[in-house]
């Protein structure tokens, strides 16, 4: 190797060695022993750790050592404002260590009412009123009471029903004189919503046998049964409204007896029926 090249190589090696030493890339035994000195210190607080910073006087390397961890706030209550139904409440806490404060708001309450007295009882004409009081704040209010139930007398028939027409009747409240009016079906009538299953099943069974109704007799007087009754009434020239009036039931029964080959002196069969109770039918 030429002498010039050897000198250049030697210089490169020496320069690399110096760089490694300057950055402490080599072990301390191969470069130097760090000479640390403290350059910064911080004491622990409620939210941050305590530490100190060391710096090597030779190479400038630094390191941070944690001394103590953050010890957290220690809260004590210093102010307390109660919540009400009209305003928010709040309370204030302060840290005994650092003095930091926090305020917590409590949304105002909704009144919760309880009845404490009835000042005037209702009649079937005039509403009474009661007094309620909020269990939180003691505020009072008056509230109207519902009207009392009428004391109805017996029904009086104004118009008697016929075999294919509803009747009309009235009753009077014995307290206030109010009048309640209602139409009612004649005995033996079946109709949509009728809850007398036995009678509806019998009617459905005959309509099925006569070909006016498909399916099974389920005891429910629904749209299919109503449509079958209308079809029968229309064909027989009866009042076609889907209500099985007594004359409709008689006609269905007579046709069914004929179709079944049944001969009786009295072909009419009275089916179980829904009897009206007041303005309702049972």
C-alpha atoms as a PDB file:
ATOM      1  CA  UNK A   1       0.000   0.000   0.000  1.00  0.00           C
ATOM      2  CA  UNK A   2       1.270   3.381  -0.867  1.00  0.00           C
ATOM      3  CA  UNK A   3       2.365   5.576   1.977  1.00  0.00           C
ATOM      4  CA  UNK A   4      -0.165   8.321   1.135  1.00  0.00           C
ATOM      5  CA  UNK A   5      -3.056   5.939   1.164  1.00  0.00           C
ATOM      6  CA  UNK A   6      -1.911   4.501   4.506  1.00  0.00           C
ATOM      7  CA  UNK A   7      -1.812   7.924   6.077  1.00  0.00           C
ATOM      8  CA  UNK A   8      -5.264   8.740   4.828  1.00  0.00           C
ATOM      9  CA  UNK A   9      -6.658   5.476   6.205  1.00  0.00           C
ATOM     10  CA  UNK A  10      -5.035   6.106   9.568  1.00  0.00           C
ATOM     11  CA  UNK A  11      -6.619   9.541   9.728  1.00  0.00           C
ATOM     12  CA  UNK A  12     -10.092   8.169   8.990  1.00  0.00           C
ATOM     13  CA  UNK A  13      -9.773   5.591  11.767  1.00  0.00           C
ATOM     14  CA  UNK A  14      -8.651   8.195  14.298  1.00  0.00           C
ATOM     15  CA  UNK A  15     -11.486  10.538  13.308  1.00  0.00           C
ATOM     16  CA  UNK A  16     -14.084   7.751  13.728  1.00  0.00           C
ATOM     17  CA  UNK A  17     -12.676   6.905  17.155  1.00  0.00           C
ATOM     18  CA  UNK A  18     -12.964  10.530  18.237  1.00  0.00           C
ATOM     19  CA  UNK A  19     -16.582  10.724  17.000  1.00  0.00           C
ATOM     20  CA  UNK A  20     -17.563   7.577  18.864  1.00  0.00           C
ATOM     21  CA  UNK A  21     -16.060   8.919  22.031  1.00  0.00           C
ATOM     22  CA  UNK A  22     -17.844  12.241  21.642  1.00  0.00           C
ATOM     23  CA  UNK A  23     -21.239  10.566  21.399  1.00  0.00           C
ATOM     24  CA  UNK A  24     -20.458   7.828  23.958  1.00  0.00           C
ATOM     25  CA  UNK A  25     -21.261   5.195  21.381  1.00  0.00           C
ATOM     26  CA  UNK A  26     -18.540   2.965  22.796  1.00  0.00           C
ATOM     27  CA  UNK A  27     -18.598   1.459  26.295  1.00  0.00           C
ATOM     28  CA  UNK A  28     -17.244   3.726  29.003  1.00  0.00           C
ATOM     29  CA  UNK A  29     -14.067   1.644  29.250  1.00  0.00           C
ATOM     30  CA  UNK A  30     -13.410   2.368  25.568  1.00  0.00           C
ATOM     31  CA  UNK A  31     -14.268   6.080  25.690  1.00  0.00           C
ATOM     32  CA  UNK A  32     -14.790   7.788  29.047  1.00  0.00           C
ATOM     33  CA  UNK A  33     -16.686   7.613  32.325  1.00  0.00           C
ATOM     34  CA  UNK A  34     -19.717   9.945  32.367  1.00  0.00           C
ATOM     35  CA  UNK A  35     -19.358  12.842  34.736  1.00  0.00           C
ATOM     36  CA  UNK A  36     -22.952  13.670  35.693  1.00  0.00           C
ATOM     37  CA  UNK A  37     -24.136  16.918  37.117  1.00  0.00           C
ATOM     38  CA  UNK A  38     -27.724  17.930  37.961  1.00  0.00           C
ATOM     39  CA  UNK A  39     -29.156  20.578  35.668  1.00  0.00           C
ATOM     40  CA  UNK A  40     -32.869  20.615  36.560  1.00  0.00           C
ATOM     41  CA  UNK A  41     -35.230  19.407  39.267  1.00  0.00           C
ATOM     42  CA  UNK A  42     -39.028  19.320  39.705  1.00  0.00           C
ATOM     43  CA  UNK A  43     -40.988  18.331  42.765  1.00  0.00           C
ATOM     44  CA  UNK A  44     -44.093  16.128  42.496  1.00  0.00           C
ATOM     45  CA  UNK A  45     -47.526  17.768  42.403  1.00  0.00           C
ATOM     46  CA  UNK A  46     -51.108  16.531  42.344  1.00  0.00           C
ATOM     47  CA  UNK A  47     -50.925  15.983  38.597  1.00  0.00           C
ATOM     48  CA  UNK A  48     -47.220  15.590  37.662  1.00  0.00           C
ATOM     49  CA  UNK A  49     -44.297  13.426  38.734  1.00  0.00           C
ATOM     50  CA  UNK A  50     -41.221  14.746  40.490  1.00  0.00           C
ATOM     51  CA  UNK A  51     -37.863  14.316  38.725  1.00  0.00           C
ATOM     52  CA  UNK A  52     -34.300  15.564  38.260  1.00  0.00           C
ATOM     53  CA  UNK A  53     -32.243  15.909  35.103  1.00  0.00           C
ATOM     54  CA  UNK A  54     -28.561  14.886  34.852  1.00  0.00           C
ATOM     55  CA  UNK A  55     -26.131  15.925  32.142  1.00  0.00           C
ATOM     56  CA  UNK A  56     -22.706  14.473  31.362  1.00  0.00           C
ATOM     57  CA  UNK A  57     -20.080  17.237  31.495  1.00  0.00           C
ATOM     58  CA  UNK A  58     -17.917  15.349  29.024  1.00  0.00           C
ATOM     59  CA  UNK A  59     -20.292  14.358  26.205  1.00  0.00           C
ATOM     60  CA  UNK A  60     -23.427  16.336  26.970  1.00  0.00           C
ATOM     61  CA  UNK A  61     -25.682  13.284  27.259  1.00  0.00           C
ATOM     62  CA  UNK A  62     -28.734  13.838  29.502  1.00  0.00           C
ATOM     63  CA  UNK A  63     -31.025  11.583  31.436  1.00  0.00           C
ATOM     64  CA  UNK A  64     -34.120  12.100  33.588  1.00  0.00           C
ATOM     65  CA  UNK A  65     -34.735  10.253  36.816  1.00  0.00           C
ATOM     66  CA  UNK A  66     -38.234  10.073  38.375  1.00  0.00           C
ATOM     67  CA  UNK A  67     -38.137  10.745  42.093  1.00  0.00           C
ATOM     68  CA  UNK A  68     -41.807  10.558  43.153  1.00  0.00           C
ATOM     69  CA  UNK A  69     -45.032  10.005  41.238  1.00  0.00           C
ATOM     70  CA  UNK A  70     -47.919  12.488  41.192  1.00  0.00           C
ATOM     71  CA  UNK A  71     -49.879  12.063  44.404  1.00  0.00           C
ATOM     72  CA  UNK A  72     -53.344  13.188  43.155  1.00  0.00           C
ATOM     73  CA  UNK A  73     -55.775  15.792  44.415  1.00  0.00           C
ATOM     74  CA  UNK A  74     -57.182  15.698  47.915  1.00  0.00           C
ATOM     75  CA  UNK A  75     -60.622  17.297  47.634  1.00  0.00           C
ATOM     76  CA  UNK A  76     -62.552  18.937  50.458  1.00  0.00           C
ATOM     77  CA  UNK A  77     -66.026  20.490  50.245  1.00  0.00           C
ATOM     78  CA  UNK A  78     -65.944  24.270  50.698  1.00  0.00           C
ATOM     79  CA  UNK A  79     -69.384  25.336  49.409  1.00  0.00           C
ATOM     80  CA  UNK A  80     -72.735  23.552  48.977  1.00  0.00           C
ATOM     81  CA  UNK A  81     -75.879  25.129  47.476  1.00  0.00           C
ATOM     82  CA  UNK A  82     -78.927  22.792  47.597  1.00  0.00           C
ATOM     83  CA  UNK A  83     -80.927  22.055  44.443  1.00  0.00           C
ATOM     84  CA  UNK A  84     -84.606  23.041  44.332  1.00  0.00           C
ATOM     85  CA  UNK A  85     -87.510  22.692  41.895  1.00  0.00           C
ATOM     86  CA  UNK A  86     -86.844  26.253  40.728  1.00  0.00           C
ATOM     87  CA  UNK A  87     -83.054  26.497  40.526  1.00  0.00           C
ATOM     88  CA  UNK A  88     -79.968  24.372  40.000  1.00  0.00           C
ATOM     89  CA  UNK A  89     -77.850  23.396  42.949  1.00  0.00           C
ATOM     90  CA  UNK A  90     -74.066  23.123  43.016  1.00  0.00           C
ATOM     91  CA  UNK A  91     -71.126  22.325  45.259  1.00  0.00           C
ATOM     92  CA  UNK A  92     -67.516  23.510  45.210  1.00  0.00           C
ATOM     93  CA  UNK A  93     -64.495  21.382  46.130  1.00  0.00           C
ATOM     94  CA  UNK A  94     -60.920  22.534  46.679  1.00  0.00           C
ATOM     95  CA  UNK A  95     -57.700  20.535  46.721  1.00  0.00           C
ATOM     96  CA  UNK A  96     -55.910  20.736  50.065  1.00  0.00           C
ATOM     97  CA  UNK A  97     -52.567  20.306  48.323  1.00  0.00           C
ATOM     98  CA  UNK A  98     -52.624  22.687  45.362  1.00  0.00           C
ATOM     99  CA  UNK A  99     -55.673  24.896  45.934  1.00  0.00           C
ATOM    100  CA  UNK A 100     -57.378  23.980  42.625  1.00  0.00           C
ATOM    101  CA  UNK A 101     -61.187  24.278  42.709  1.00  0.00           C
ATOM    102  CA  UNK A 102     -63.920  22.422  40.843  1.00  0.00           C
ATOM    103  CA  UNK A 103     -67.648  23.212  40.729  1.00  0.00           C
ATOM    104  CA  UNK A 104     -70.268  20.520  40.124  1.00  0.00           C
ATOM    105  CA  UNK A 105     -73.789  21.594  39.024  1.00  0.00           C
ATOM    106  CA  UNK A 106     -76.940  19.647  39.930  1.00  0.00           C
ATOM    107  CA  UNK A 107     -79.877  20.293  37.522  1.00  0.00           C
ATOM    108  CA  UNK A 108     -83.060  21.585  39.145  1.00  0.00           C
ATOM    109  CA  UNK A 109     -85.705  19.034  40.091  1.00  0.00           C
ATOM    110  CA  UNK A 110     -89.104  18.388  38.545  1.00  0.00           C
ATOM    111  CA  UNK A 111     -92.004  18.735  40.963  1.00  0.00           C
ATOM    112  CA  UNK A 112     -93.269  15.425  42.291  1.00  0.00           C
ATOM    113  CA  UNK A 113     -96.852  15.832  43.395  1.00  0.00           C
ATOM    114  CA  UNK A 114     -98.799  13.932  46.008  1.00  0.00           C
ATOM    115  CA  UNK A 115    -102.438  14.511  46.866  1.00  0.00           C
ATOM    116  CA  UNK A 116    -102.902  15.818  50.405  1.00  0.00           C
ATOM    117  CA  UNK A 117    -106.621  16.623  50.473  1.00  0.00           C
ATOM    118  CA  UNK A 118    -109.892  16.729  48.522  1.00  0.00           C
ATOM    119  CA  UNK A 119    -111.457  20.152  48.972  1.00  0.00           C
ATOM    120  CA  UNK A 120    -114.600  19.508  46.942  1.00  0.00           C
ATOM    121  CA  UNK A 121    -115.960  16.213  45.697  1.00  0.00           C
ATOM    122  CA  UNK A 122    -117.198  15.863  42.120  1.00  0.00           C
ATOM    123  CA  UNK A 123    -120.770  15.227  41.125  1.00  0.00           C
ATOM    124  CA  UNK A 124    -121.945  13.944  37.778  1.00  0.00           C
ATOM    125  CA  UNK A 125    -122.429  17.593  36.751  1.00  0.00           C
ATOM    126  CA  UNK A 126    -119.651  19.541  38.480  1.00  0.00           C
ATOM    127  CA  UNK A 127    -115.967  18.669  38.811  1.00  0.00           C
ATOM    128  CA  UNK A 128    -114.507  18.928  42.297  1.00  0.00           C
ATOM    129  CA  UNK A 129    -110.890  19.645  43.090  1.00  0.00           C
ATOM    130  CA  UNK A 130    -108.058  18.352  45.216  1.00  0.00           C
ATOM    131  CA  UNK A 131    -104.882  19.897  46.617  1.00  0.00           C
ATOM    132  CA  UNK A 132    -101.491  18.435  45.769  1.00  0.00           C
ATOM    133  CA  UNK A 133     -98.125  19.263  47.308  1.00  0.00           C
ATOM    134  CA  UNK A 134     -94.605  18.793  45.933  1.00  0.00           C
ATOM    135  CA  UNK A 135     -92.646  16.398  48.138  1.00  0.00           C
ATOM    136  CA  UNK A 136     -89.409  18.300  47.407  1.00  0.00           C
ATOM    137  CA  UNK A 137     -90.219  21.976  47.781  1.00  0.00           C
ATOM    138  CA  UNK A 138     -93.642  22.038  49.461  1.00  0.00           C
ATOM    139  CA  UNK A 139     -95.338  24.016  46.674  1.00  0.00           C
ATOM    140  CA  UNK A 140     -99.111  23.394  46.543  1.00  0.00           C
ATOM    141  CA  UNK A 141    -101.535  23.393  43.624  1.00  0.00           C
ATOM    142  CA  UNK A 142    -105.206  22.679  42.932  1.00  0.00           C
ATOM    143  CA  UNK A 143    -106.199  20.030  40.386  1.00  0.00           C
ATOM    144  CA  UNK A 144    -109.637  19.265  38.993  1.00  0.00           C
ATOM    145  CA  UNK A 145    -111.161  15.870  39.737  1.00  0.00           C
ATOM    146  CA  UNK A 146    -113.045  13.849  37.108  1.00  0.00           C
ATOM    147  CA  UNK A 147    -116.818  13.977  37.078  1.00  0.00           C
ATOM    148  CA  UNK A 148    -118.564  11.364  39.160  1.00  0.00           C
ATOM    149  CA  UNK A 149    -120.328   8.451  37.482  1.00  0.00           C
ATOM    150  CA  UNK A 150    -124.014   8.990  36.745  1.00  0.00           C
ATOM    151  CA  UNK A 151    -126.536   7.112  38.840  1.00  0.00           C
ATOM    152  CA  UNK A 152    -128.699   5.740  36.056  1.00  0.00           C
ATOM    153  CA  UNK A 153    -132.266   4.644  36.479  1.00  0.00           C
ATOM    154  CA  UNK A 154    -133.931   1.793  34.588  1.00  0.00           C
ATOM    155  CA  UNK A 155    -134.101   1.762  30.803  1.00  0.00           C
ATOM    156  CA  UNK A 156    -137.331   2.946  29.228  1.00  0.00           C
ATOM    157  CA  UNK A 157    -138.127   1.651  25.744  1.00  0.00           C
ATOM    158  CA  UNK A 158    -139.044   4.522  23.418  1.00  0.00           C
ATOM    159  CA  UNK A 159    -139.319   2.396  20.293  1.00  0.00           C
ATOM    160  CA  UNK A 160    -139.670  -1.371  20.273  1.00  0.00           C
ATOM    161  CA  UNK A 161    -137.344  -3.321  17.946  1.00  0.00           C
ATOM    162  CA  UNK A 162    -138.672  -5.472  15.117  1.00  0.00           C
ATOM    163  CA  UNK A 163    -137.390  -8.574  13.396  1.00  0.00           C
ATOM    164  CA  UNK A 164    -135.049  -6.480  11.251  1.00  0.00           C
ATOM    165  CA  UNK A 165    -134.825  -3.074  12.970  1.00  0.00           C
ATOM    166  CA  UNK A 166    -133.139  -1.921  16.177  1.00  0.00           C
ATOM    167  CA  UNK A 167    -135.190  -0.429  18.984  1.00  0.00           C
ATOM    168  CA  UNK A 168    -134.482   2.773  20.902  1.00  0.00           C
ATOM    169  CA  UNK A 169    -134.473   3.352  24.656  1.00  0.00           C
ATOM    170  CA  UNK A 170    -133.427   5.896  27.272  1.00  0.00           C
ATOM    171  CA  UNK A 171    -132.497   6.150  30.919  1.00  0.00           C
ATOM    172  CA  UNK A 172    -132.186   9.133  33.265  1.00  0.00           C
ATOM    173  CA  UNK A 173    -129.577   9.963  35.908  1.00  0.00           C
ATOM    174  CA  UNK A 174    -131.290  10.174  39.290  1.00  0.00           C
ATOM    175  CA  UNK A 175    -128.839  12.867  40.456  1.00  0.00           C
ATOM    176  CA  UNK A 176    -128.556  15.348  37.602  1.00  0.00           C
ATOM    177  CA  UNK A 177    -131.316  14.361  35.220  1.00  0.00           C
ATOM    178  CA  UNK A 178    -128.986  13.647  32.296  1.00  0.00           C
ATOM    179  CA  UNK A 179    -130.466  11.369  29.633  1.00  0.00           C
ATOM    180  CA  UNK A 180    -128.618   8.434  28.109  1.00  0.00           C
ATOM    181  CA  UNK A 181    -129.994   7.116  24.819  1.00  0.00           C
ATOM    182  CA  UNK A 182    -129.103   3.928  22.997  1.00  0.00           C
ATOM    183  CA  UNK A 183    -130.362   1.714  20.234  1.00  0.00           C
ATOM    184  CA  UNK A 184    -130.679  -1.998  20.901  1.00  0.00           C
ATOM    185  CA  UNK A 185    -131.162  -5.151  18.878  1.00  0.00           C
ATOM    186  CA  UNK A 186    -134.156  -7.401  19.271  1.00  0.00           C
ATOM    187  CA  UNK A 187    -133.603 -10.683  21.093  1.00  0.00           C
ATOM    188  CA  UNK A 188    -132.200 -13.361  18.820  1.00  0.00           C
ATOM    189  CA  UNK A 189    -129.956 -10.993  16.827  1.00  0.00           C
ATOM    190  CA  UNK A 190    -126.324 -11.817  15.997  1.00  0.00           C
ATOM    191  CA  UNK A 191    -124.003  -9.131  14.667  1.00  0.00           C
ATOM    192  CA  UNK A 192    -120.328  -8.190  14.089  1.00  0.00           C
ATOM    193  CA  UNK A 193    -118.462  -8.182  17.390  1.00  0.00           C
ATOM    194  CA  UNK A 194    -121.074 -10.326  19.126  1.00  0.00           C
ATOM    195  CA  UNK A 195    -119.263 -12.360  21.758  1.00  0.00           C
ATOM    196  CA  UNK A 196    -121.778 -15.173  22.066  1.00  0.00           C
ATOM    197  CA  UNK A 197    -119.654 -17.881  20.498  1.00  0.00           C
ATOM    198  CA  UNK A 198    -122.282 -20.637  20.618  1.00  0.00           C
ATOM    199  CA  UNK A 199    -124.856 -18.691  18.602  1.00  0.00           C
ATOM    200  CA  UNK A 200    -122.290 -17.464  16.048  1.00  0.00           C
ATOM    201  CA  UNK A 201    -120.919 -20.992  15.588  1.00  0.00           C
ATOM    202  CA  UNK A 202    -124.438 -22.313  14.868  1.00  0.00           C
ATOM    203  CA  UNK A 203    -125.079 -19.560  12.317  1.00  0.00           C
ATOM    204  CA  UNK A 204    -121.691 -20.093  10.657  1.00  0.00           C
ATOM    205  CA  UNK A 205    -122.194 -23.850  10.482  1.00  0.00           C
ATOM    206  CA  UNK A 206    -125.501 -23.434   8.625  1.00  0.00           C
ATOM    207  CA  UNK A 207    -124.030 -20.830   6.249  1.00  0.00           C
ATOM    208  CA  UNK A 208    -121.131 -23.193   5.490  1.00  0.00           C
ATOM    209  CA  UNK A 209    -123.509 -26.070   4.768  1.00  0.00           C
ATOM    210  CA  UNK A 210    -125.555 -23.785   2.498  1.00  0.00           C
ATOM    211  CA  UNK A 211    -122.439 -22.671   0.572  1.00  0.00           C
ATOM    212  CA  UNK A 212    -122.385 -19.020   1.637  1.00  0.00           C
ATOM    213  CA  UNK A 213    -119.324 -19.268   3.878  1.00  0.00           C
ATOM    214  CA  UNK A 214    -115.973 -20.994   3.433  1.00  0.00           C
ATOM    215  CA  UNK A 215    -113.718 -22.244   6.205  1.00  0.00           C
ATOM    216  CA  UNK A 216    -114.650 -23.363   9.675  1.00  0.00           C
ATOM    217  CA  UNK A 217    -117.132 -22.143  12.272  1.00  0.00           C
ATOM    218  CA  UNK A 218    -114.849 -20.346  14.729  1.00  0.00           C
ATOM    219  CA  UNK A 219    -117.435 -18.367  16.692  1.00  0.00           C
ATOM    220  CA  UNK A 220    -116.053 -14.991  15.571  1.00  0.00           C
ATOM    221  CA  UNK A 221    -118.531 -12.756  13.769  1.00  0.00           C
ATOM    222  CA  UNK A 222    -115.929 -11.121  11.520  1.00  0.00           C
ATOM    223  CA  UNK A 223    -115.874  -9.693   7.970  1.00  0.00           C
ATOM    224  CA  UNK A 224    -116.218 -13.114   6.302  1.00  0.00           C
ATOM    225  CA  UNK A 225    -119.291 -14.023   8.320  1.00  0.00           C
ATOM    226  CA  UNK A 226    -120.766 -10.579   7.735  1.00  0.00           C
ATOM    227  CA  UNK A 227    -120.189 -10.907   3.961  1.00  0.00           C
ATOM    228  CA  UNK A 228    -121.840 -14.354   3.972  1.00  0.00           C
ATOM    229  CA  UNK A 229    -124.883 -12.963   5.813  1.00  0.00           C
ATOM    230  CA  UNK A 230    -125.145 -10.070   3.307  1.00  0.00           C
ATOM    231  CA  UNK A 231    -124.969 -12.550   0.389  1.00  0.00           C
ATOM    232  CA  UNK A 232    -127.755 -14.639   1.917  1.00  0.00           C
ATOM    233  CA  UNK A 233    -129.922 -11.598   2.713  1.00  0.00           C
ATOM    234  CA  UNK A 234    -129.490 -10.201  -0.796  1.00  0.00           C
ATOM    235  CA  UNK A 235    -130.447 -13.481  -2.423  1.00  0.00           C
ATOM    236  CA  UNK A 236    -133.522 -13.843  -0.205  1.00  0.00           C
ATOM    237  CA  UNK A 237    -134.642 -10.223  -0.576  1.00  0.00           C
ATOM    238  CA  UNK A 238    -134.065  -9.409   3.068  1.00  0.00           C
ATOM    239  CA  UNK A 239    -132.549  -6.280   4.597  1.00  0.00           C
ATOM    240  CA  UNK A 240    -128.912  -6.608   3.433  1.00  0.00           C
ATOM    241  CA  UNK A 241    -126.835  -5.070   6.222  1.00  0.00           C
ATOM    242  CA  UNK A 242    -124.804  -8.057   7.459  1.00  0.00           C
ATOM    243  CA  UNK A 243    -126.672  -8.218  10.764  1.00  0.00           C
ATOM    244  CA  UNK A 244    -128.332 -11.542  11.494  1.00  0.00           C
ATOM    245  CA  UNK A 245    -131.717 -10.192  12.561  1.00  0.00           C
ATOM    246  CA  UNK A 246    -134.295 -12.704  13.833  1.00  0.00           C
ATOM    247  CA  UNK A 247    -135.943 -12.879  10.388  1.00  0.00           C
ATOM    248  CA  UNK A 248    -132.524 -13.564   8.810  1.00  0.00           C
ATOM    249  CA  UNK A 249    -131.771 -16.299  11.353  1.00  0.00           C
ATOM    250  CA  UNK A 250    -135.239 -17.788  10.732  1.00  0.00           C
ATOM    251  CA  UNK A 251    -134.645 -17.801   6.961  1.00  0.00           C
ATOM    252  CA  UNK A 252    -131.175 -19.373   7.282  1.00  0.00           C
ATOM    253  CA  UNK A 253    -132.591 -22.012   9.619  1.00  0.00           C
ATOM    254  CA  UNK A 254    -135.491 -22.817   7.284  1.00  0.00           C
ATOM    255  CA  UNK A 255    -133.173 -23.198   4.268  1.00  0.00           C
ATOM    256  CA  UNK A 256    -130.780 -25.346   6.267  1.00  0.00           C
ATOM    257  CA  UNK A 257    -133.592 -27.633   7.477  1.00  0.00           C
ATOM    258  CA  UNK A 258    -134.719 -28.051   3.874  1.00  0.00           C
ATOM    259  CA  UNK A 259    -131.172 -28.753   2.663  1.00  0.00           C
ATOM    260  CA  UNK A 260    -130.677 -31.319   5.425  1.00  0.00           C
ATOM    261  CA  UNK A 261    -134.038 -32.968   4.745  1.00  0.00           C
ATOM    262  CA  UNK A 262    -135.393 -32.010   8.146  1.00  0.00           C
ATOM    263  CA  UNK A 263    -139.151 -31.569   8.329  1.00  0.00           C
ATOM    264  CA  UNK A 264    -140.570 -29.971  11.478  1.00  0.00           C
ATOM    265  CA  UNK A 265    -143.852 -28.401  12.427  1.00  0.00           C
ATOM    266  CA  UNK A 266    -141.906 -25.359  13.578  1.00  0.00           C
ATOM    267  CA  UNK A 267    -138.884 -24.893  11.266  1.00  0.00           C
ATOM    268  CA  UNK A 268    -137.653 -21.883  13.187  1.00  0.00           C
ATOM    269  CA  UNK A 269    -134.739 -22.620  15.494  1.00  0.00           C
ATOM    270  CA  UNK A 270    -133.965 -19.867  17.970  1.00  0.00           C
ATOM    271  CA  UNK A 271    -130.186 -19.601  18.246  1.00  0.00           C
ATOM    272  CA  UNK A 272    -128.426 -18.332  21.343  1.00  0.00           C
ATOM    273  CA  UNK A 273    -128.237 -14.575  20.967  1.00  0.00           C
ATOM    274  CA  UNK A 274    -126.467 -11.521  22.341  1.00  0.00           C
ATOM    275  CA  UNK A 275    -128.694  -9.656  24.775  1.00  0.00           C
ATOM    276  CA  UNK A 276    -128.119  -5.953  25.240  1.00  0.00           C
ATOM    277  CA  UNK A 277    -127.121  -4.700  28.686  1.00  0.00           C
ATOM    278  CA  UNK A 278    -127.405  -0.919  28.806  1.00  0.00           C
ATOM    279  CA  UNK A 279    -125.734   0.539  25.742  1.00  0.00           C
ATOM    280  CA  UNK A 280    -123.608  -2.574  25.278  1.00  0.00           C
ATOM    281  CA  UNK A 281    -124.442  -5.997  23.918  1.00  0.00           C
ATOM    282  CA  UNK A 282    -123.503  -9.237  25.630  1.00  0.00           C
END
